[in-house]
Amino acid sequence: MAYTTVDKSSSNFKAKTYTGDESGQTITVGFQPDFTWIKTRDAAYNNQLVDAVRGNTKYLKSNATDAENTSTNAVTGFVSSGFTLGADTNAWVNQNSKNIVSWNWKANGAGSANTDGSINTTATSANTTAGFSICQYTGTGSAATVGHGLGAVPKMMLVKKTSGSESWGVYHHSIGNTKFLQLNTTGVEGTSSGFWNDTTPTSSVFSIKSDGGTNASGQTYIAYCFAEKTGFSKFGLYEGNGNANGPFVYLGFRPSVIILKGKGIARNWTTWDDARDIDNPHWNYIYPNLDQNGTNIAHGASGSYAIDFLSNGFKIRNTDDKFNGSGQGYIYMAFGQTLVGSNNQPSNAK
């Protein structure tokens, strides 16, 4: 069966599939992204994350603790219509004939210094309309605050040390300011004041303390910060019921991408999107914390891990405990477009 990518996203976020050519091409997403997350779907290659603040030649891996690395022939630039790719000798983002997916967010270019916090950022690039910002800063090793530029309280943050090896630190408002998750592991939520200083972010700053994942002295960091925007993004928690007729999660919009993680169960992070799966049920997921390809990441695969994207939310259609263990809590981040739906009931419209 032939698949055609359908553009259901806004000018602030876009999930986009493409085929590698190993020579150089432009991937059109409809706007100039400032944060691009790329994963080859049919090979065991790393998740590669690139942003405009650090520069397009610098990349991180969501599935690893590695410091940022440099490649001049992978993502070669961010342009008005999308991003450009080179020959990619590492083969992670443009290998010939490989099926690849990218998730793209718009911030505000390379950004500029933010002085709202006790640490002045090297650069903060903020899209206040979409509730997304990128912050680069140098750690102090003691309690501090960092300006995120959103003008709204972040509900989720992904933080990575770029100058050395360290696990990702994940803040999610549903588990609170004393807890953390790690994007590169299957680990359950941990408790430590070292990540967020037991302090909830404000509309201008987020707090950090002394953990190496967020604030080692003299080390450089990048933070991807997300605030909720009605009709576009939502960050929440649902409880599994262990039933194939799983929970419905109200978003108020049709999702374009959903990332899930069980907070109290040691299972993989998982990502679904509407670029790889156009129709319900959505079978095809990717693990952000692994470099492997899997049964369900190739376009058109089928399996037992179904989820429906609905006009006002999503519904779990499987019993796997990565997504729907009875009594288990699952955090999510979801992005989409504005659609009707305010009655907190699922809709079958697609």
C-alpha atoms as a PDB file:
ATOM      1  CA  MET A   1       0.000   0.000   0.000  1.00  0.00           C
ATOM      2  CA  ALA A   2       1.348   3.427  -0.917  1.00  0.00           C
ATOM      3  CA  TYR A   3       1.393   6.127   1.757  1.00  0.00           C
ATOM      4  CA  THR A   4       1.307   9.882   1.283  1.00  0.00           C
ATOM      5  CA  THR A   5       2.262  12.259   4.060  1.00  0.00           C
ATOM      6  CA  VAL A   6      -0.655  14.483   5.029  1.00  0.00           C
ATOM      7  CA  ASP A   7       0.079  17.957   6.385  1.00  0.00           C
ATOM      8  CA  LYS A   8      -2.068  18.236   9.518  1.00  0.00           C
ATOM      9  CA  SER A   9       0.247  20.397  11.577  1.00  0.00           C
ATOM     10  CA  SER A  10       0.725  24.103  12.085  1.00  0.00           C
ATOM     11  CA  SER A  11       3.576  26.435  11.134  1.00  0.00           C
ATOM     12  CA  ASN A  12       5.047  25.865  14.603  1.00  0.00           C
ATOM     13  CA  PHE A  13       5.398  22.072  14.503  1.00  0.00           C
ATOM     14  CA  LYS A  14       5.594  19.487  11.745  1.00  0.00           C
ATOM     15  CA  ALA A  15       6.198  15.728  11.607  1.00  0.00           C
ATOM     16  CA  LYS A  16       7.768  14.909   8.255  1.00  0.00           C
ATOM     17  CA  THR A  17       8.936  11.693   6.612  1.00  0.00           C
ATOM     18  CA  TYR A  18      11.510  11.507   3.831  1.00  0.00           C
ATOM     19  CA  THR A  19      13.817   9.096   2.012  1.00  0.00           C
ATOM     20  CA  GLY A  20      17.575   9.466   2.320  1.00  0.00           C
ATOM     21  CA  ASP A  21      19.655  10.105  -0.792  1.00  0.00           C
ATOM     22  CA  GLU A  22      23.187  10.284   0.706  1.00  0.00           C
ATOM     23  CA  SER A  23      24.111  13.182  -1.555  1.00  0.00           C
ATOM     24  CA  GLY A  24      22.251  16.253  -0.240  1.00  0.00           C
ATOM     25  CA  GLN A  25      18.669  17.447  -0.263  1.00  0.00           C
ATOM     26  CA  THR A  26      16.228  19.948   1.237  1.00  0.00           C
ATOM     27  CA  ILE A  27      13.476  18.600   3.471  1.00  0.00           C
ATOM     28  CA  THR A  28      10.445  20.876   3.203  1.00  0.00           C
ATOM     29  CA  VAL A  29       8.353  21.299   6.361  1.00  0.00           C
ATOM     30  CA  GLY A  30       6.616  24.585   5.499  1.00  0.00           C
ATOM     31  CA  PHE A  31       8.552  26.878   7.853  1.00  0.00           C
ATOM     32  CA  GLN A  32      12.087  27.379   9.155  1.00  0.00           C
ATOM     33  CA  PRO A  33      12.528  25.034  12.130  1.00  0.00           C
ATOM     34  CA  ASP A  34      14.865  25.778  15.015  1.00  0.00           C
ATOM     35  CA  PHE A  35      14.810  22.314  16.584  1.00  0.00           C
ATOM     36  CA  THR A  36      14.817  19.148  14.482  1.00  0.00           C
ATOM     37  CA  TRP A  37      14.732  15.593  15.865  1.00  0.00           C
ATOM     38  CA  ILE A  38      15.557  12.918  13.281  1.00  0.00           C
ATOM     39  CA  LYS A  39      15.324   9.103  13.378  1.00  0.00           C
ATOM     40  CA  THR A  40      15.988   6.553  10.635  1.00  0.00           C
ATOM     41  CA  ARG A  41      13.055   4.160  10.817  1.00  0.00           C
ATOM     42  CA  ASP A  42      14.472   0.999   9.245  1.00  0.00           C
ATOM     43  CA  ALA A  43      17.967   0.838  10.726  1.00  0.00           C
ATOM     44  CA  ALA A  44      19.531   0.867  14.191  1.00  0.00           C
ATOM     45  CA  TYR A  45      20.792   4.459  14.060  1.00  0.00           C
ATOM     46  CA  ASN A  46      20.798   7.080  16.803  1.00  0.00           C
ATOM     47  CA  ASN A  47      18.088   9.658  17.330  1.00  0.00           C
ATOM     48  CA  GLN A  48      19.809  12.880  16.218  1.00  0.00           C
ATOM     49  CA  LEU A  49      18.754  16.258  17.709  1.00  0.00           C
ATOM     50  CA  VAL A  50      19.889  19.544  16.158  1.00  0.00           C
ATOM     51  CA  ASP A  51      18.936  23.125  17.026  1.00  0.00           C
ATOM     52  CA  ALA A  52      19.617  26.663  15.826  1.00  0.00           C
ATOM     53  CA  VAL A  53      21.011  27.864  19.162  1.00  0.00           C
ATOM     54  CA  ARG A  54      23.947  25.432  19.258  1.00  0.00           C
ATOM     55  CA  GLY A  55      24.146  25.513  15.438  1.00  0.00           C
ATOM     56  CA  ASN A  56      23.127  22.995  12.798  1.00  0.00           C
ATOM     57  CA  THR A  57      26.500  21.193  12.828  1.00  0.00           C
ATOM     58  CA  LYS A  58      26.096  20.202  16.492  1.00  0.00           C
ATOM     59  CA  TYR A  59      23.976  17.193  17.390  1.00  0.00           C
ATOM     60  CA  LEU A  60      22.849  15.321  20.480  1.00  0.00           C
ATOM     61  CA  LYS A  61      21.425  11.814  20.837  1.00  0.00           C
ATOM     62  CA  SER A  62      18.248  11.307  22.855  1.00  0.00           C
ATOM     63  CA  ASN A  63      19.222   7.659  23.339  1.00  0.00           C
ATOM     64  CA  ALA A  64      22.693   8.324  24.772  1.00  0.00           C
ATOM     65  CA  THR A  65      24.595  10.210  27.463  1.00  0.00           C
ATOM     66  CA  ASP A  66      27.149  11.529  24.933  1.00  0.00           C
ATOM     67  CA  ALA A  67      28.310  15.129  24.818  1.00  0.00           C
ATOM     68  CA  GLU A  68      27.309  17.007  21.683  1.00  0.00           C
ATOM     69  CA  ASN A  69      29.194  16.003  18.552  1.00  0.00           C
ATOM     70  CA  THR A  70      29.908  17.821  15.300  1.00  0.00           C
ATOM     71  CA  SER A  71      29.039  16.846  11.735  1.00  0.00           C
ATOM     72  CA  THR A  72      29.329  19.188   8.777  1.00  0.00           C
ATOM     73  CA  ASN A  73      27.610  16.840   6.326  1.00  0.00           C
ATOM     74  CA  ALA A  74      24.469  15.790   8.222  1.00  0.00           C
ATOM     75  CA  VAL A  75      22.059  18.719   8.862  1.00  0.00           C
ATOM     76  CA  THR A  76      23.786  21.442   6.857  1.00  0.00           C
ATOM     77  CA  GLY A  77      21.373  24.284   7.560  1.00  0.00           C
ATOM     78  CA  PHE A  78      17.971  25.581   8.571  1.00  0.00           C
ATOM     79  CA  VAL A  79      16.255  27.358   5.672  1.00  0.00           C
ATOM     80  CA  SER A  80      12.959  29.203   5.208  1.00  0.00           C
ATOM     81  CA  SER A  81      11.142  26.073   4.017  1.00  0.00           C
ATOM     82  CA  GLY A  82      12.762  23.459   6.252  1.00  0.00           C
ATOM     83  CA  PHE A  83      16.267  22.061   6.635  1.00  0.00           C
ATOM     84  CA  THR A  84      19.060  20.886   4.344  1.00  0.00           C
ATOM     85  CA  LEU A  85      21.063  17.667   4.462  1.00  0.00           C
ATOM     86  CA  GLY A  86      24.525  16.761   3.209  1.00  0.00           C
ATOM     87  CA  ALA A  87      26.215  13.503   2.248  1.00  0.00           C
ATOM     88  CA  ASP A  88      26.006  12.310   5.879  1.00  0.00           C
ATOM     89  CA  THR A  89      28.904   9.886   6.162  1.00  0.00           C
ATOM     90  CA  ASN A  90      27.577   8.878   9.609  1.00  0.00           C
ATOM     91  CA  ALA A  91      24.453   7.628   7.791  1.00  0.00           C
ATOM     92  CA  TRP A  92      22.084   8.687  10.569  1.00  0.00           C
ATOM     93  CA  VAL A  93      19.981  11.307   8.802  1.00  0.00           C
ATOM     94  CA  ASN A  94      20.370  10.815   5.029  1.00  0.00           C
ATOM     95  CA  GLN A  95      21.552   7.307   4.120  1.00  0.00           C
ATOM     96  CA  ASN A  96      20.535   6.335   0.616  1.00  0.00           C
ATOM     97  CA  SER A  97      17.078   4.725   0.346  1.00  0.00           C
ATOM     98  CA  LYS A  98      16.483   4.711   4.114  1.00  0.00           C
ATOM     99  CA  ASN A  99      13.072   5.712   5.467  1.00  0.00           C
ATOM    100  CA  ILE A 100      13.481   8.583   7.920  1.00  0.00           C
ATOM    101  CA  VAL A 101      11.195  10.685  10.103  1.00  0.00           C
ATOM    102  CA  SER A 102      11.797  14.159  11.492  1.00  0.00           C
ATOM    103  CA  TRP A 103       9.917  16.170  14.104  1.00  0.00           C
ATOM    104  CA  ASN A 104      10.363  19.916  13.728  1.00  0.00           C
ATOM    105  CA  TRP A 105       9.646  22.818  16.106  1.00  0.00           C
ATOM    106  CA  LYS A 106       9.869  26.549  15.490  1.00  0.00           C
ATOM    107  CA  ALA A 107      11.510  28.748  18.147  1.00  0.00           C
ATOM    108  CA  ASN A 108      13.039  32.128  17.239  1.00  0.00           C
ATOM    109  CA  GLY A 109      16.303  31.555  15.424  1.00  0.00           C
ATOM    110  CA  ALA A 110      19.658  31.602  17.174  1.00  0.00           C
ATOM    111  CA  GLY A 111      18.241  33.673  20.049  1.00  0.00           C
ATOM    112  CA  SER A 112      20.006  36.106  22.359  1.00  0.00           C
ATOM    113  CA  ALA A 113      21.124  36.299  25.991  1.00  0.00           C
ATOM    114  CA  ASN A 114      18.404  36.211  28.658  1.00  0.00           C
ATOM    115  CA  THR A 115      19.104  37.902  31.995  1.00  0.00           C
ATOM    116  CA  ASP A 116      15.917  36.960  33.872  1.00  0.00           C
ATOM    117  CA  GLY A 117      17.631  34.292  35.964  1.00  0.00           C
ATOM    118  CA  SER A 118      20.659  34.257  38.243  1.00  0.00           C
ATOM    119  CA  ILE A 119      22.450  32.561  35.317  1.00  0.00           C
ATOM    120  CA  ASN A 120      22.499  34.680  32.179  1.00  0.00           C
ATOM    121  CA  THR A 121      21.911  32.380  29.225  1.00  0.00           C
ATOM    122  CA  THR A 122      24.327  32.365  26.326  1.00  0.00           C
ATOM    123  CA  ALA A 123      21.203  32.395  24.188  1.00  0.00           C
ATOM    124  CA  THR A 124      17.469  31.892  24.652  1.00  0.00           C
ATOM    125  CA  SER A 125      15.370  31.379  21.523  1.00  0.00           C
ATOM    126  CA  ALA A 126      11.671  31.626  22.363  1.00  0.00           C
ATOM    127  CA  ASN A 127       8.468  31.230  20.370  1.00  0.00           C
ATOM    128  CA  THR A 128       5.906  32.580  22.835  1.00  0.00           C
ATOM    129  CA  THR A 129       3.010  31.878  20.459  1.00  0.00           C
ATOM    130  CA  ALA A 130       3.765  28.156  20.351  1.00  0.00           C
ATOM    131  CA  GLY A 131       5.134  27.885  23.901  1.00  0.00           C
ATOM    132  CA  PHE A 132       8.557  26.558  22.943  1.00  0.00           C
ATOM    133  CA  SER A 133      12.042  27.807  23.767  1.00  0.00           C
ATOM    134  CA  ILE A 134      15.663  26.688  23.565  1.00  0.00           C
ATOM    135  CA  CYS A 135      18.041  27.853  26.305  1.00  0.00           C
ATOM    136  CA  GLN A 136      21.827  27.505  26.389  1.00  0.00           C
ATOM    137  CA  TYR A 137      23.633  28.161  29.661  1.00  0.00           C
ATOM    138  CA  THR A 138      26.720  27.370  31.718  1.00  0.00           C
ATOM    139  CA  GLY A 139      26.237  25.657  35.071  1.00  0.00           C
ATOM    140  CA  THR A 140      27.374  26.986  38.452  1.00  0.00           C
ATOM    141  CA  GLY A 141      27.094  23.838  40.579  1.00  0.00           C
ATOM    142  CA  SER A 142      24.797  25.518  43.110  1.00  0.00           C
ATOM    143  CA  ALA A 143      21.161  26.631  43.269  1.00  0.00           C
ATOM    144  CA  ALA A 144      20.336  28.962  40.377  1.00  0.00           C
ATOM    145  CA  THR A 145      17.621  30.055  37.976  1.00  0.00           C
ATOM    146  CA  VAL A 146      17.622  30.254  34.171  1.00  0.00           C
ATOM    147  CA  GLY A 147      15.456  32.506  31.985  1.00  0.00           C
ATOM    148  CA  HIS A 148      13.378  30.516  29.478  1.00  0.00           C
ATOM    149  CA  GLY A 149      11.704  33.415  27.643  1.00  0.00           C
ATOM    150  CA  LEU A 150       8.268  31.817  27.295  1.00  0.00           C
ATOM    151  CA  GLY A 151       6.206  34.313  29.272  1.00  0.00           C
ATOM    152  CA  ALA A 152       4.291  31.259  30.536  1.00  0.00           C
ATOM    153  CA  VAL A 153       5.089  28.437  32.952  1.00  0.00           C
ATOM    154  CA  PRO A 154       6.867  25.487  31.281  1.00  0.00           C
ATOM    155  CA  LYS A 155       5.027  22.208  31.762  1.00  0.00           C
ATOM    156  CA  MET A 156       7.853  20.030  30.429  1.00  0.00           C
ATOM    157  CA  MET A 157      11.610  20.487  29.934  1.00  0.00           C
ATOM    158  CA  LEU A 158      14.325  18.334  28.368  1.00  0.00           C
ATOM    159  CA  VAL A 159      17.807  19.296  29.611  1.00  0.00           C
ATOM    160  CA  LYS A 160      21.140  17.897  28.406  1.00  0.00           C
ATOM    161  CA  LYS A 161      24.747  18.628  29.316  1.00  0.00           C
ATOM    162  CA  THR A 162      26.463  19.372  26.003  1.00  0.00           C
ATOM    163  CA  SER A 163      30.075  19.642  27.194  1.00  0.00           C
ATOM    164  CA  GLY A 164      30.332  16.105  28.563  1.00  0.00           C
ATOM    165  CA  SER A 165      28.681  12.766  29.145  1.00  0.00           C
ATOM    166  CA  GLU A 166      25.518  12.859  31.284  1.00  0.00           C
ATOM    167  CA  SER A 167      21.967  11.528  31.175  1.00  0.00           C
ATOM    168  CA  TRP A 168      19.148  13.788  30.043  1.00  0.00           C
ATOM    169  CA  GLY A 169      17.094  15.448  32.776  1.00  0.00           C
ATOM    170  CA  VAL A 170      13.330  15.576  32.176  1.00  0.00           C
ATOM    171  CA  TYR A 171      10.950  17.811  34.122  1.00  0.00           C
ATOM    172  CA  HIS A 172       7.209  17.174  33.804  1.00  0.00           C
ATOM    173  CA  HIS A 173       4.686  19.114  35.853  1.00  0.00           C
ATOM    174  CA  SER A 174       2.551  16.009  36.403  1.00  0.00           C
ATOM    175  CA  ILE A 175       5.252  14.374  38.547  1.00  0.00           C
ATOM    176  CA  GLY A 176       6.318  17.616  40.211  1.00  0.00           C
ATOM    177  CA  ASN A 177       9.434  19.584  41.034  1.00  0.00           C
ATOM    178  CA  THR A 178      10.967  16.961  43.367  1.00  0.00           C
ATOM    179  CA  LYS A 179      10.968  14.288  40.639  1.00  0.00           C
ATOM    180  CA  PHE A 180      12.830  13.696  37.402  1.00  0.00           C
ATOM    181  CA  LEU A 181      12.889  11.278  34.482  1.00  0.00           C
ATOM    182  CA  GLN A 182      15.724  10.594  32.031  1.00  0.00           C
ATOM    183  CA  LEU A 183      15.065  10.602  28.297  1.00  0.00           C
ATOM    184  CA  ASN A 184      17.847   8.138  27.475  1.00  0.00           C
ATOM    185  CA  THR A 185      16.754   5.410  29.918  1.00  0.00           C
ATOM    186  CA  THR A 186      13.773   3.231  30.782  1.00  0.00           C
ATOM    187  CA  GLY A 187      14.065   4.294  34.425  1.00  0.00           C
ATOM    188  CA  VAL A 188      11.150   5.175  36.661  1.00  0.00           C
ATOM    189  CA  GLU A 189      10.748   8.634  38.130  1.00  0.00           C
ATOM    190  CA  GLY A 190      13.458   9.496  40.617  1.00  0.00           C
ATOM    191  CA  THR A 191      13.466  11.869  43.566  1.00  0.00           C
ATOM    192  CA  SER A 192      16.206  14.471  43.947  1.00  0.00           C
ATOM    193  CA  SER A 193      16.398  18.180  44.758  1.00  0.00           C
ATOM    194  CA  GLY A 194      19.556  18.315  42.632  1.00  0.00           C
ATOM    195  CA  PHE A 195      17.650  18.636  39.357  1.00  0.00           C
ATOM    196  CA  TRP A 196      15.001  21.349  39.888  1.00  0.00           C
ATOM    197  CA  ASN A 197      15.816  22.535  43.427  1.00  0.00           C
ATOM    198  CA  ASP A 198      12.317  21.367  44.477  1.00  0.00           C
ATOM    199  CA  THR A 199      10.991  24.509  42.783  1.00  0.00           C
ATOM    200  CA  THR A 200       8.292  24.783  40.124  1.00  0.00           C
ATOM    201  CA  PRO A 201       9.200  26.914  37.089  1.00  0.00           C
ATOM    202  CA  THR A 202       7.673  30.379  36.841  1.00  0.00           C
ATOM    203  CA  SER A 203       6.602  32.323  33.778  1.00  0.00           C
ATOM    204  CA  SER A 204      10.139  33.697  33.472  1.00  0.00           C
ATOM    205  CA  VAL A 205      12.631  31.182  34.941  1.00  0.00           C
ATOM    206  CA  PHE A 206      13.228  27.538  35.805  1.00  0.00           C
ATOM    207  CA  SER A 207      15.258  26.387  38.796  1.00  0.00           C
ATOM    208  CA  ILE A 208      18.257  24.065  38.961  1.00  0.00           C
ATOM    209  CA  LYS A 209      20.572  22.983  41.757  1.00  0.00           C
ATOM    210  CA  SER A 210      23.652  20.750  41.718  1.00  0.00           C
ATOM    211  CA  ASP A 211      22.991  17.549  39.770  1.00  0.00           C
ATOM    212  CA  GLY A 212      25.339  16.989  36.846  1.00  0.00           C
ATOM    213  CA  GLY A 213      22.323  16.505  34.589  1.00  0.00           C
ATOM    214  CA  THR A 214      21.312  20.162  34.906  1.00  0.00           C
ATOM    215  CA  ASN A 215      23.962  22.264  36.670  1.00  0.00           C
ATOM    216  CA  ALA A 216      27.556  21.057  37.055  1.00  0.00           C
ATOM    217  CA  SER A 217      29.982  23.934  37.568  1.00  0.00           C
ATOM    218  CA  GLY A 218      31.533  25.196  34.344  1.00  0.00           C
ATOM    219  CA  GLN A 219      29.626  22.750  32.120  1.00  0.00           C
ATOM    220  CA  THR A 220      27.406  23.847  29.231  1.00  0.00           C
ATOM    221  CA  TYR A 221      23.748  22.823  28.858  1.00  0.00           C
ATOM    222  CA  ILE A 222      20.853  23.048  26.453  1.00  0.00           C
ATOM    223  CA  ALA A 223      17.240  23.096  27.663  1.00  0.00           C
ATOM    224  CA  TYR A 224      14.169  22.556  25.486  1.00  0.00           C
ATOM    225  CA  CYS A 225      11.223  24.140  27.340  1.00  0.00           C
ATOM    226  CA  PHE A 226       7.529  23.678  26.580  1.00  0.00           C
ATOM    227  CA  ALA A 227       4.479  25.572  27.831  1.00  0.00           C
ATOM    228  CA  GLU A 228       0.912  24.501  27.077  1.00  0.00           C
ATOM    229  CA  LYS A 229      -0.972  26.355  24.358  1.00  0.00           C
ATOM    230  CA  THR A 230      -4.695  25.758  23.928  1.00  0.00           C
ATOM    231  CA  GLY A 231      -5.431  23.904  20.726  1.00  0.00           C
ATOM    232  CA  PHE A 232      -1.763  23.165  20.010  1.00  0.00           C
ATOM    233  CA  SER A 233       0.121  21.469  22.863  1.00  0.00           C
ATOM    234  CA  LYS A 234      -0.604  19.631  26.071  1.00  0.00           C
ATOM    235  CA  PHE A 235       1.486  17.864  28.730  1.00  0.00           C
ATOM    236  CA  GLY A 236      -0.322  15.620  31.148  1.00  0.00           C
ATOM    237  CA  LEU A 237      -0.767  12.301  32.896  1.00  0.00           C
ATOM    238  CA  TYR A 238      -3.230   9.459  32.385  1.00  0.00           C
ATOM    239  CA  GLU A 239      -3.838   6.225  34.290  1.00  0.00           C
ATOM    240  CA  GLY A 240      -3.820   2.901  32.470  1.00  0.00           C
ATOM    241  CA  ASN A 241      -6.671   0.433  32.834  1.00  0.00           C
ATOM    242  CA  GLY A 242      -5.045  -2.699  31.386  1.00  0.00           C
ATOM    243  CA  ASN A 243      -7.925  -3.049  28.921  1.00  0.00           C
ATOM    244  CA  ALA A 244      -7.857  -3.069  25.106  1.00  0.00           C
ATOM    245  CA  ASN A 245     -10.568  -0.416  25.368  1.00  0.00           C
ATOM    246  CA  GLY A 246      -7.981   1.836  26.955  1.00  0.00           C
ATOM    247  CA  PRO A 247      -8.206   5.344  28.401  1.00  0.00           C
ATOM    248  CA  PHE A 248      -9.224   8.324  26.296  1.00  0.00           C
ATOM    249  CA  VAL A 249      -7.025  11.362  26.863  1.00  0.00           C
ATOM    250  CA  TYR A 250      -8.594  14.729  26.090  1.00  0.00           C
ATOM    251  CA  LEU A 251      -6.297  17.275  24.440  1.00  0.00           C
ATOM    252  CA  GLY A 252      -8.679  19.729  22.807  1.00  0.00           C
ATOM    253  CA  PHE A 253      -7.004  19.182  19.424  1.00  0.00           C
ATOM    254  CA  ARG A 254      -6.048  16.396  17.035  1.00  0.00           C
ATOM    255  CA  PRO A 255      -2.482  15.310  17.859  1.00  0.00           C
ATOM    256  CA  SER A 256       0.273  15.237  15.280  1.00  0.00           C
ATOM    257  CA  VAL A 257       2.841  13.647  17.588  1.00  0.00           C
ATOM    258  CA  ILE A 258       2.583  12.004  21.028  1.00  0.00           C
ATOM    259  CA  ILE A 259       5.469  10.956  23.283  1.00  0.00           C
ATOM    260  CA  LEU A 260       4.661   8.706  26.273  1.00  0.00           C
ATOM    261  CA  LYS A 261       6.520   7.308  29.289  1.00  0.00           C
ATOM    262  CA  GLY A 262       5.341   5.301  32.289  1.00  0.00           C
ATOM    263  CA  LYS A 263       6.423   7.276  35.340  1.00  0.00           C
ATOM    264  CA  GLY A 264       6.517   4.349  37.756  1.00  0.00           C
ATOM    265  CA  ILE A 265       7.351   1.464  35.451  1.00  0.00           C
ATOM    266  CA  ALA A 266      10.718   0.737  33.823  1.00  0.00           C
ATOM    267  CA  ARG A 267       9.704   0.746  30.174  1.00  0.00           C
ATOM    268  CA  ASN A 268      10.798   2.563  27.019  1.00  0.00           C
ATOM    269  CA  TRP A 269       9.730   6.017  25.972  1.00  0.00           C
ATOM    270  CA  THR A 270       7.554   5.782  22.836  1.00  0.00           C
ATOM    271  CA  THR A 271       6.679   8.201  20.030  1.00  0.00           C
ATOM    272  CA  TRP A 272       3.778   8.104  17.565  1.00  0.00           C
ATOM    273  CA  ASP A 273       3.060  10.617  14.797  1.00  0.00           C
ATOM    274  CA  ASP A 274       0.701  11.236  11.886  1.00  0.00           C
ATOM    275  CA  ALA A 275       3.457  11.327   9.267  1.00  0.00           C
ATOM    276  CA  ARG A 276       4.256   7.604   9.498  1.00  0.00           C
ATOM    277  CA  ASP A 277       0.649   6.570  10.231  1.00  0.00           C
ATOM    278  CA  ILE A 278      -2.100   8.491   8.463  1.00  0.00           C
ATOM    279  CA  ASP A 279      -5.134   6.498   9.552  1.00  0.00           C
ATOM    280  CA  ASN A 280      -6.258   4.869  12.774  1.00  0.00           C
ATOM    281  CA  PRO A 281      -5.213   2.719  14.406  1.00  0.00           C
ATOM    282  CA  HIS A 282      -1.646   4.003  14.700  1.00  0.00           C
ATOM    283  CA  TRP A 283       0.677   1.004  15.062  1.00  0.00           C
ATOM    284  CA  ASN A 284       4.066   2.531  14.376  1.00  0.00           C
ATOM    285  CA  TYR A 285       6.121   3.799  17.273  1.00  0.00           C
ATOM    286  CA  ILE A 286       9.755   4.771  17.836  1.00  0.00           C
ATOM    287  CA  TYR A 287      11.784   4.548  21.046  1.00  0.00           C
ATOM    288  CA  PRO A 288      13.470   7.902  21.844  1.00  0.00           C
ATOM    289  CA  ASN A 289      15.747   6.140  24.350  1.00  0.00           C
ATOM    290  CA  LEU A 290      17.068   3.496  21.914  1.00  0.00           C
ATOM    291  CA  ASP A 291      19.023   3.529  18.667  1.00  0.00           C
ATOM    292  CA  GLN A 292      17.375   0.379  17.339  1.00  0.00           C
ATOM    293  CA  ASN A 293      14.830  -0.124  14.649  1.00  0.00           C
ATOM    294  CA  GLY A 294      11.911  -2.281  15.702  1.00  0.00           C
ATOM    295  CA  THR A 295       8.860  -4.213  14.636  1.00  0.00           C
ATOM    296  CA  ASN A 296       6.658  -1.186  14.625  1.00  0.00           C
ATOM    297  CA  ILE A 297       8.745   1.693  13.305  1.00  0.00           C
ATOM    298  CA  ALA A 298       8.629   0.940   9.572  1.00  0.00           C
ATOM    299  CA  HIS A 299       5.754   2.581   7.707  1.00  0.00           C
ATOM    300  CA  GLY A 300       2.922   0.114   7.292  1.00  0.00           C
ATOM    301  CA  ALA A 301       3.895  -2.297  10.055  1.00  0.00           C
ATOM    302  CA  SER A 302       1.143  -3.792  12.157  1.00  0.00           C
ATOM    303  CA  GLY A 303       1.109  -5.120  15.657  1.00  0.00           C
ATOM    304  CA  SER A 304      -0.621  -5.137  19.012  1.00  0.00           C
ATOM    305  CA  TYR A 305       0.328  -1.630  20.170  1.00  0.00           C
ATOM    306  CA  ALA A 306      -2.528   0.394  18.713  1.00  0.00           C
ATOM    307  CA  ILE A 307      -3.418   3.982  19.555  1.00  0.00           C
ATOM    308  CA  ASP A 308      -6.079   6.183  17.907  1.00  0.00           C
ATOM    309  CA  PHE A 309      -5.500   9.852  17.053  1.00  0.00           C
ATOM    310  CA  LEU A 310      -8.876  11.558  17.435  1.00  0.00           C
ATOM    311  CA  SER A 311     -10.081  15.073  16.660  1.00  0.00           C
ATOM    312  CA  ASN A 312      -9.865  16.131  20.309  1.00  0.00           C
ATOM    313  CA  GLY A 313      -7.355  13.723  21.860  1.00  0.00           C
ATOM    314  CA  PHE A 314      -6.094  10.159  21.715  1.00  0.00           C
ATOM    315  CA  LYS A 315      -7.246   6.745  22.878  1.00  0.00           C
ATOM    316  CA  ILE A 316      -5.112   3.768  23.868  1.00  0.00           C
ATOM    317  CA  ARG A 317      -6.181   0.564  22.095  1.00  0.00           C
ATOM    318  CA  ASN A 318      -3.797  -1.983  23.603  1.00  0.00           C
ATOM    319  CA  THR A 319      -2.962  -3.672  26.898  1.00  0.00           C
ATOM    320  CA  ASP A 320       0.834  -3.458  26.777  1.00  0.00           C
ATOM    321  CA  ASP A 321       2.197  -2.084  30.030  1.00  0.00           C
ATOM    322  CA  LYS A 322       4.453   0.379  28.170  1.00  0.00           C
ATOM    323  CA  PHE A 323       1.248   2.312  27.518  1.00  0.00           C
ATOM    324  CA  ASN A 324      -1.618   0.869  29.505  1.00  0.00           C
ATOM    325  CA  GLY A 325      -0.716  -1.115  32.607  1.00  0.00           C
ATOM    326  CA  SER A 326      -3.588  -1.262  35.050  1.00  0.00           C
ATOM    327  CA  GLY A 327      -3.220   1.465  37.662  1.00  0.00           C
ATOM    328  CA  GLN A 328       0.022   2.748  36.135  1.00  0.00           C
ATOM    329  CA  GLY A 329       0.564   6.460  35.464  1.00  0.00           C
ATOM    330  CA  TYR A 330       1.882   7.681  32.093  1.00  0.00           C
ATOM    331  CA  ILE A 331       3.156  11.146  31.307  1.00  0.00           C
ATOM    332  CA  TYR A 332       2.745  12.493  27.791  1.00  0.00           C
ATOM    333  CA  MET A 333       3.639  15.411  25.572  1.00  0.00           C
ATOM    334  CA  ALA A 334       1.427  16.089  22.543  1.00  0.00           C
ATOM    335  CA  PHE A 335       1.470  18.614  19.700  1.00  0.00           C
ATOM    336  CA  GLY A 336      -1.047  19.193  16.922  1.00  0.00           C
ATOM    337  CA  GLN A 337      -3.332  21.831  15.468  1.00  0.00           C
ATOM    338  CA  THR A 338      -6.415  23.713  16.660  1.00  0.00           C
ATOM    339  CA  LEU A 339      -9.595  21.677  16.232  1.00  0.00           C
ATOM    340  CA  VAL A 340     -13.035  21.769  17.824  1.00  0.00           C
ATOM    341  CA  GLY A 341     -13.703  19.617  20.817  1.00  0.00           C
ATOM    342  CA  SER A 342     -14.563  20.861  24.294  1.00  0.00           C
ATOM    343  CA  ASN A 343     -16.848  18.240  25.759  1.00  0.00           C
ATOM    344  CA  ASN A 344     -14.073  15.977  27.074  1.00  0.00           C
ATOM    345  CA  GLN A 345     -15.422  13.088  24.944  1.00  0.00           C
ATOM    346  CA  PRO A 346     -13.602  11.217  22.156  1.00  0.00           C
ATOM    347  CA  SER A 347     -14.488  11.998  18.571  1.00  0.00           C
ATOM    348  CA  ASN A 348     -13.903   9.626  15.656  1.00  0.00           C
ATOM    349  CA  ALA A 349     -13.272  12.427  13.174  1.00  0.00           C
ATOM    350  CA  LYS A 350      -9.822  12.281  11.591  1.00  0.00           C
END
